[in-house]
N, C-alpha and C. Protein backbone atom coordinates (compact mmCIF):
# COMPACT_ATOMS: atom_id res chain seq x y z
N MET A 1 0.67 -1.23 -0.22
CA MET A 1 -0.15 -0.05 -0.16
C MET A 1 1.24 1.09 0.45
N LEU A 2 0.70 1.72 -0.92
CA LEU A 2 1.59 3.12 -1.30
C LEU A 2 0.50 3.91 -0.10
N THR A 3 1.57 4.77 0.57
CA THR A 3 1.04 6.22 1.11
C THR A 3 0.80 7.87 0.52
N LYS A 4 0.45 8.47 -0.19
CA LYS A 4 1.07 9.92 -0.48
C LYS A 4 1.29 10.71 0.30
N THR A 5 2.34 11.27 1.45
CA THR A 5 2.83 12.72 1.99
C THR A 5 3.52 13.66 0.87
N ARG A 6 2.71 14.42 1.69
CA ARG A 6 2.46 15.63 0.87
C ARG A 6 4.07 16.64 1.39
N SER A 7 4.66 17.30 0.29
CA SER A 7 6.42 17.46 1.45
C SER A 7 6.08 18.90 0.87
N ALA A 8 6.66 19.90 1.83
CA ALA A 8 6.97 21.15 2.41
C ALA A 8 6.33 21.51 0.83
N ALA A 9 7.48 21.32 -0.43
CA ALA A 9 7.47 22.16 -1.44
C ALA A 9 5.36 22.30 -1.97
N HIS A 10 4.52 21.44 -1.82
CA HIS A 10 3.76 21.40 -1.85
C HIS A 10 3.02 22.27 -1.84
N ILE A 11 3.27 22.37 -0.09
CA ILE A 11 2.34 23.21 1.10
C ILE A 11 2.62 24.96 1.32
N TRP A 12 3.96 25.17 -0.10
CA TRP A 12 4.60 26.22 -0.35
C TRP A 12 4.32 26.07 -1.07
N SER A 13 3.83 26.40 -2.26
CA SER A 13 4.03 26.69 -3.36
C SER A 13 3.90 28.22 -3.73
N PRO A 14 4.84 28.67 -4.96
CA PRO A 14 4.51 30.09 -5.13
C PRO A 14 3.22 31.00 -5.63
N SER A 15 2.25 29.76 -5.99
CA SER A 15 1.29 30.37 -6.04
C SER A 15 0.44 30.72 -4.70
N LYS A 16 1.15 30.34 -3.77
CA LYS A 16 0.65 30.78 -1.80
C LYS A 16 0.91 32.14 -1.17
N GLN A 17 2.57 31.83 -2.13
CA GLN A 17 2.99 33.38 -1.95
C GLN A 17 2.83 33.98 -1.76
N TRP A 18 2.33 34.56 -2.18
CA TRP A 18 1.92 35.89 -2.74
C TRP A 18 0.57 36.23 -1.86
N CYS A 19 -0.07 35.49 -0.58
CA CYS A 19 -0.01 35.84 0.21
C CYS A 19 0.08 36.15 1.80
N TRP A 20 1.56 36.43 1.38
CA TRP A 20 2.51 36.53 1.98
C TRP A 20 2.86 37.65 1.87
N ILE A 21 3.07 37.71 0.79
CA ILE A 21 3.47 39.38 0.58
C ILE A 21 2.78 40.76 0.01
N THR A 22 1.65 40.06 -0.57
CA THR A 22 0.13 41.07 -0.80
C THR A 22 -0.64 41.47 0.51
N PHE A 23 -1.01 40.92 0.70
CA PHE A 23 -1.40 41.25 2.35
C PHE A 23 -0.87 42.04 3.20
N PRO A 24 0.79 42.16 3.83
CA PRO A 24 1.10 43.26 5.12
C PRO A 24 1.28 44.17 3.17
N LEU A 25 1.17 44.29 2.28
CA LEU A 25 2.04 45.46 1.66
C LEU A 25 0.74 45.89 1.39
N LEU A 26 -1.23 45.80 1.30
CA LEU A 26 -2.20 46.18 1.69
C LEU A 26 -2.56 47.02 2.71
N LEU A 27 -2.21 46.07 4.42
CA LEU A 27 -2.21 46.76 5.33
C LEU A 27 -1.84 47.79 5.35
N PHE A 28 -0.46 47.79 4.82
CA PHE A 28 0.34 49.15 4.70
C PHE A 28 0.28 50.85 3.68
N THR A 29 -0.78 49.93 2.67
CA THR A 29 -0.87 51.00 2.05
C THR A 29 -2.62 51.62 3.31
N ALA A 30 -3.27 50.53 3.05
CA ALA A 30 -4.47 51.15 4.52
C ALA A 30 -3.85 52.39 5.35
N SER A 31 -2.76 51.36 5.46
CA SER A 31 -2.40 52.57 6.92
C SER A 31 -2.16 54.34 6.41
N TRP A 32 -1.98 54.27 4.80
CA TRP A 32 -1.19 55.43 4.03
C TRP A 32 -2.53 55.92 3.88
N ALA A 33 -3.50 55.59 3.92
CA ALA A 33 -5.10 55.99 2.97
C ALA A 33 -5.08 57.33 3.89
N PRO A 34 -5.47 56.83 5.01
CA PRO A 34 -5.75 58.56 5.14
C PRO A 34 -4.58 59.35 5.22
N VAL A 35 -3.78 59.31 5.34
CA VAL A 35 -2.63 60.78 5.14
C VAL A 35 -2.08 61.03 3.13
N LEU A 36 -2.74 59.44 2.85
CA LEU A 36 -2.39 60.31 1.36
C LEU A 36 -3.28 61.07 0.88
N ALA A 37 -4.46 60.90 1.56
CA ALA A 37 -6.18 61.77 1.07
C ALA A 37 -6.06 62.86 1.99
N ALA A 38 -5.11 64.05 3.00
CA ALA A 38 -5.51 64.85 3.50
C ALA A 38 -5.23 65.78 2.59
N PRO A 39 -4.08 65.31 1.50
CA PRO A 39 -4.29 66.90 0.55
C PRO A 39 -4.65 67.80 0.29
N SER A 40 -5.65 66.05 -0.83
CA SER A 40 -6.54 66.67 -1.22
C SER A 40 -8.34 66.89 -0.56
N GLN A 41 -8.59 66.96 1.13
CA GLN A 41 -9.57 67.25 1.12
C GLN A 41 -9.23 68.95 1.52
N GLN A 42 -7.35 69.32 2.07
CA GLN A 42 -7.20 69.77 2.38
C GLN A 42 -7.19 71.34 0.96
N SER A 43 -6.99 71.05 -0.25
CA SER A 43 -7.48 71.21 -1.11
C SER A 43 -8.83 71.89 -1.85
N GLN A 44 -9.44 70.58 -1.00
CA GLN A 44 -11.07 71.19 -1.26
C GLN A 44 -10.99 72.19 -0.50
N LEU A 45 -11.14 72.03 0.40
CA LEU A 45 -11.51 72.56 1.39
C LEU A 45 -11.02 74.44 1.19
N GLN A 46 -9.89 74.91 0.60
CA GLN A 46 -9.50 75.61 0.36
C GLN A 46 -9.98 75.97 -0.69
N THR A 47 -10.14 75.60 -2.12
CA THR A 47 -10.91 75.91 -2.62
C THR A 47 -11.80 76.38 -2.96
N ASP A 48 -12.59 75.99 -1.73
CA ASP A 48 -14.34 75.90 -1.47
C ASP A 48 -13.97 77.02 -0.31
N ALA A 49 -12.94 77.82 0.11
CA ALA A 49 -12.90 78.74 0.91
C ALA A 49 -12.71 80.02 0.12
N ALA A 50 -12.11 80.24 -0.68
CA ALA A 50 -11.71 81.04 -2.00
C ALA A 50 -13.21 81.05 -2.99
N ARG A 51 -13.98 80.40 -2.82
CA ARG A 51 -15.04 80.25 -4.03
C ARG A 51 -15.75 80.86 -2.48
N LEU A 52 -16.15 80.90 -1.64
CA LEU A 52 -16.55 81.82 -0.72
C LEU A 52 -16.63 82.77 -0.25
N ASP A 53 -15.57 83.28 -0.23
CA ASP A 53 -14.67 84.13 -0.34
C ASP A 53 -14.66 85.30 -1.43
N HIS A 54 -14.50 85.14 -2.43
CA HIS A 54 -15.22 85.20 -3.87
C HIS A 54 -16.62 86.24 -3.94
N VAL A 55 -17.79 85.26 -4.16
CA VAL A 55 -18.94 85.93 -4.23
C VAL A 55 -19.01 86.57 -2.19
N ALA A 56 -18.57 86.71 -1.14
CA ALA A 56 -18.56 87.93 -0.45
C ALA A 56 -18.01 89.07 -1.40
N VAL A 57 -17.29 89.30 -2.04
CA VAL A 57 -16.44 90.35 -2.69
C VAL A 57 -17.50 91.18 -3.64
N GLU A 58 -18.40 90.39 -3.59
CA GLU A 58 -19.89 90.40 -4.86
C GLU A 58 -20.77 90.73 -3.27
N VAL A 59 -21.06 90.43 -2.69
CA VAL A 59 -21.88 91.09 -1.67
C VAL A 59 -20.98 92.52 -1.40
N ASP A 60 -20.36 91.70 -1.04
CA ASP A 60 -19.77 94.11 -0.51
C ASP A 60 -20.21 94.68 -1.87
N ASP A 61 -18.79 94.05 -3.03
CA ASP A 61 -19.03 95.85 -3.64
C ASP A 61 -21.23 95.48 -3.94
N ALA A 62 -22.39 94.68 -4.36
CA ALA A 62 -22.98 95.09 -4.28
C ALA A 62 -23.55 96.16 -2.83
N VAL A 63 -22.99 96.15 -1.56
CA VAL A 63 -23.58 96.93 -0.56
C VAL A 63 -23.20 98.69 -0.62
N VAL A 64 -21.27 97.82 -1.03
CA VAL A 64 -20.49 99.81 -1.89
C VAL A 64 -21.19 100.73 -2.40
N ALA A 65 -22.00 99.98 -3.79
CA ALA A 65 -23.23 100.45 -4.40
C ALA A 65 -24.22 100.56 -4.34
N GLU A 66 -24.42 100.54 -2.62
CA GLU A 66 -25.95 100.68 -2.03
C GLU A 66 -26.91 99.14 -2.83
N ASP A 67 -27.13 98.55 -3.53
CA ASP A 67 -27.71 97.69 -4.49
C ASP A 67 -28.43 96.75 -3.89
N TRP A 68 -29.13 97.42 -3.31
CA TRP A 68 -29.21 96.00 -2.53
C TRP A 68 -29.73 94.61 -2.70
N ASP A 69 -31.35 94.69 -4.01
CA ASP A 69 -31.69 93.27 -4.02
C ASP A 69 -30.33 92.82 -4.55
N ASP A 70 -29.65 93.23 -5.99
CA ASP A 70 -28.23 92.24 -5.81
C ASP A 70 -27.50 92.02 -4.71
N ALA A 71 -27.39 92.29 -3.59
CA ALA A 71 -27.37 92.71 -2.55
C ALA A 71 -27.55 91.48 -2.00
N ARG A 72 -28.76 91.42 -1.45
CA ARG A 72 -29.32 89.99 -1.01
C ARG A 72 -29.57 89.19 -2.45
N SER A 73 -29.77 89.38 -3.68
CA SER A 73 -29.80 88.20 -4.36
C SER A 73 -27.49 86.93 -3.91
N GLU A 74 -26.69 88.13 -3.89
CA GLU A 74 -25.24 87.40 -4.24
C GLU A 74 -25.34 87.05 -2.77
N TRP A 75 -26.07 87.43 -1.38
CA TRP A 75 -26.48 86.85 -0.07
C TRP A 75 -26.50 85.35 -0.83
N ALA A 76 -28.19 85.24 -1.59
CA ALA A 76 -28.58 83.80 -1.42
C ALA A 76 -27.17 82.85 -2.14
N GLU A 77 -26.91 83.59 -3.28
CA GLU A 77 -25.65 82.68 -3.59
C GLU A 77 -24.78 82.00 -2.59
N PHE A 78 -24.24 83.04 -1.70
CA PHE A 78 -23.30 82.61 -0.86
C PHE A 78 -23.88 81.06 -0.39
N ASP A 79 -25.09 81.88 0.72
CA ASP A 79 -25.70 80.49 1.15
C ASP A 79 -25.85 79.78 0.81
N GLU A 80 -26.41 79.81 -0.74
CA GLU A 80 -26.88 78.14 -0.96
C GLU A 80 -25.29 78.03 -1.25
N LEU A 81 -24.31 78.68 -1.79
CA LEU A 81 -23.09 78.06 -2.06
C LEU A 81 -21.86 76.84 -0.16
N TRP A 82 -22.55 77.87 0.53
CA TRP A 82 -21.89 77.37 2.06
C TRP A 82 -22.93 76.57 2.43
N ASP A 83 -24.20 76.25 2.24
CA ASP A 83 -25.16 75.09 2.59
C ASP A 83 -23.95 73.76 1.19
N ASP A 84 -23.36 73.63 -0.09
CA ASP A 84 -23.25 72.95 -0.49
C ASP A 84 -21.58 72.65 0.08
N VAL A 85 -20.72 73.55 0.90
CA VAL A 85 -19.47 73.45 1.05
C VAL A 85 -19.53 72.87 2.40
N GLU A 86 -19.91 73.32 3.51
CA GLU A 86 -20.15 73.82 5.61
C GLU A 86 -19.97 72.29 5.59
N ASP A 87 -19.59 71.31 5.76
CA ASP A 87 -19.30 69.71 5.84
C ASP A 87 -17.76 69.86 6.06
N GLY A 88 -17.19 70.39 5.15
CA GLY A 88 -15.40 70.26 5.03
C GLY A 88 -15.12 71.82 6.18
N PHE A 89 -15.72 72.60 6.18
CA PHE A 89 -15.74 73.87 7.70
C PHE A 89 -15.74 73.17 8.52
N ARG A 90 -16.66 72.17 8.97
CA ARG A 90 -17.38 71.95 10.14
C ARG A 90 -15.96 70.20 10.55
N ALA A 91 -15.55 70.18 10.16
CA ALA A 91 -14.57 68.72 9.83
C ALA A 91 -13.40 69.60 10.03
N ALA A 92 -13.54 70.32 9.48
CA ALA A 92 -12.03 71.14 9.90
C ALA A 92 -11.68 71.27 10.75
N ASP A 93 -12.97 72.82 11.23
CA ASP A 93 -12.71 73.60 12.63
C ASP A 93 -13.85 73.74 13.29
N ARG A 94 -14.24 73.12 13.89
CA ARG A 94 -15.85 73.13 14.52
C ARG A 94 -16.00 74.67 15.02
N ASP A 95 -15.11 75.48 15.57
CA ASP A 95 -15.29 76.67 16.51
C ASP A 95 -14.79 77.45 15.72
N GLY A 96 -14.12 77.45 14.44
CA GLY A 96 -14.11 78.44 12.96
C GLY A 96 -16.03 78.39 12.20
N TYR A 97 -15.91 76.54 12.36
CA TYR A 97 -17.31 76.46 11.41
C TYR A 97 -18.59 77.49 12.17
N ARG A 98 -19.06 77.75 13.58
CA ARG A 98 -19.03 78.27 14.07
C ARG A 98 -19.36 79.76 14.07
N ALA A 99 -18.37 79.81 14.32
CA ALA A 99 -18.39 81.36 14.03
C ALA A 99 -18.44 82.48 13.01
N ILE A 100 -18.32 81.24 11.86
CA ILE A 100 -18.72 82.47 10.22
C ILE A 100 -20.24 81.96 10.36
N GLU A 101 -20.99 80.20 10.89
CA GLU A 101 -21.81 81.12 10.77
C GLU A 101 -23.23 81.98 11.68
N ALA A 102 -22.42 82.17 12.85
CA ALA A 102 -22.77 83.49 13.66
C ALA A 102 -22.45 84.91 12.98
N THR A 103 -21.62 85.32 12.10
CA THR A 103 -21.26 85.69 11.70
C THR A 103 -22.59 85.69 9.84
N MET A 104 -22.90 85.10 9.39
CA MET A 104 -23.89 85.24 8.66
C MET A 104 -25.38 84.96 9.33
N SER A 105 -25.35 84.75 10.41
CA SER A 105 -26.58 85.11 10.83
C SER A 105 -27.04 86.60 10.76
N ASP A 106 -25.55 86.89 11.56
CA ASP A 106 -25.45 88.90 11.41
C ASP A 106 -25.80 89.71 10.32
N ILE A 107 -25.54 89.29 9.37
CA ILE A 107 -25.75 89.56 7.81
C ILE A 107 -26.64 89.35 7.34
N VAL A 108 -27.15 87.94 8.28
CA VAL A 108 -28.35 88.15 7.27
C VAL A 108 -29.57 89.19 7.43
N ILE A 109 -29.65 89.51 9.20
CA ILE A 109 -30.40 89.87 9.88
C ILE A 109 -30.12 91.44 9.97
N ALA A 110 -28.78 91.93 9.63
CA ALA A 110 -28.53 93.30 8.65
C ALA A 110 -28.65 93.80 7.31
N LEU A 111 -28.86 92.20 6.34
CA LEU A 111 -29.69 92.63 4.99
C LEU A 111 -30.90 93.63 5.02
N THR A 112 -31.55 92.09 6.26
CA THR A 112 -33.09 92.21 5.63
C THR A 112 -33.90 93.32 6.69
N THR A 113 -33.40 94.31 6.45
CA THR A 113 -34.25 95.32 7.65
C THR A 113 -34.17 96.35 6.45
N ASP A 114 -35.12 96.63 7.22
CA ASP A 114 -36.20 98.46 6.04
C ASP A 114 -35.13 99.37 5.77
N ALA A 115 -33.74 99.27 6.29
CA ALA A 115 -33.21 100.05 6.55
C ALA A 115 -31.33 100.17 6.16
N PRO A 116 -30.69 98.94 5.68
CA PRO A 116 -30.10 98.57 5.74
C PRO A 116 -28.96 99.33 5.65
N ASP A 117 -27.29 99.46 6.66
CA ASP A 117 -26.63 100.27 6.95
C ASP A 117 -25.65 99.42 6.54
N PRO A 118 -24.99 100.38 5.78
CA PRO A 118 -23.74 99.74 4.58
C PRO A 118 -22.34 99.77 4.77
N ASP A 119 -22.28 100.68 5.91
CA ASP A 119 -20.78 99.90 7.08
C ASP A 119 -21.11 98.88 7.92
N GLN A 120 -22.27 98.72 8.74
CA GLN A 120 -22.14 98.23 9.58
C GLN A 120 -22.45 96.72 8.58
N ILE A 121 -23.28 97.16 7.26
CA ILE A 121 -23.36 95.40 6.40
C ILE A 121 -21.77 94.90 6.51
N ARG A 122 -20.47 96.10 5.83
CA ARG A 122 -19.19 95.66 5.44
C ARG A 122 -18.74 95.57 6.29
N GLU A 123 -18.50 95.58 7.83
CA GLU A 123 -17.99 95.65 8.48
C GLU A 123 -18.05 93.87 8.98
N LEU A 124 -19.36 93.81 9.06
CA LEU A 124 -19.91 92.39 8.58
C LEU A 124 -19.10 91.37 8.00
N ILE A 125 -19.66 91.43 7.28
CA ILE A 125 -18.17 90.96 5.60
C ILE A 125 -17.13 90.75 5.62
N ALA A 126 -16.51 91.90 6.18
CA ALA A 126 -15.07 92.16 6.33
C ALA A 126 -14.70 90.68 7.41
N THR A 127 -15.30 90.58 7.88
CA THR A 127 -15.77 89.39 9.89
C THR A 127 -15.93 88.25 8.66
N LEU A 128 -16.83 88.46 7.96
CA LEU A 128 -16.90 86.97 7.54
C LEU A 128 -15.54 86.28 6.91
N ARG A 129 -15.13 87.15 6.08
CA ARG A 129 -13.94 86.44 4.98
C ARG A 129 -12.41 86.46 5.66
N ALA A 130 -12.14 87.62 7.41
CA ALA A 130 -11.45 87.13 8.08
C ALA A 130 -11.22 85.58 8.51
N ARG A 131 -12.90 85.53 8.70
CA ARG A 131 -13.46 84.41 9.16
C ARG A 131 -12.46 83.22 8.12
N ILE A 132 -13.19 83.02 6.94
CA ILE A 132 -13.41 82.16 5.74
C ILE A 132 -11.61 82.11 5.64
N ALA A 133 -10.93 83.23 6.28
CA ALA A 133 -9.35 83.57 5.48
C ALA A 133 -8.32 81.67 6.10
N PRO A 134 -8.75 81.56 6.67
CA PRO A 134 -7.50 80.47 7.46
C PRO A 134 -8.19 79.36 6.70
N PHE A 135 -9.21 78.50 6.36
CA PHE A 135 -9.76 78.12 5.32
C PHE A 135 -9.00 77.95 4.60
N ALA A 136 -8.83 79.01 3.55
CA ALA A 136 -8.51 79.20 2.89
C ALA A 136 -6.67 78.99 2.71
N GLY A 137 -6.00 79.23 3.26
CA GLY A 137 -4.80 79.20 3.50
C GLY A 137 -4.79 80.47 3.21
N THR A 138 -4.81 81.52 4.12
CA THR A 138 -4.59 83.47 3.77
C THR A 138 -4.80 83.89 4.42
N ASP A 139 -4.42 83.03 6.10
CA ASP A 139 -5.08 83.97 7.18
C ASP A 139 -3.68 84.06 7.63
N ASP A 140 -3.74 85.84 7.61
CA ASP A 140 -2.50 86.87 7.27
C ASP A 140 -2.42 87.07 9.59
N SER A 141 -3.25 86.67 10.23
CA SER A 141 -2.82 86.60 11.53
C SER A 141 -1.13 85.63 12.00
């Protein structure tokens, strides 16, 4: 009676070696995924902050001209954009996010009064832009 014995070569075949190489490489790669993704997320946040700042400048220009319909329309555009991008700001800095939200509320109140005060609104817009600047990487402080 012949018995078959398995040799070490049969157990450790080249086709099974990929497991010992691939699995550690996958773990290593997966451990670096958040680090490698961070620059992309950061640049998206910077892009979003720059877009918000651009619209804030348009609101300010309308306020300077005391074109209240245009100022309110531009503000609506800012608010809509903010709705699209605010999650990234909240994730990056909750306190900064809250400060932006608070300033936005003040601007809405100032823009919806019967007799808007251009100086007050421009000051609020300057504050808003200063609060957005750190997210854009343009904070001078």
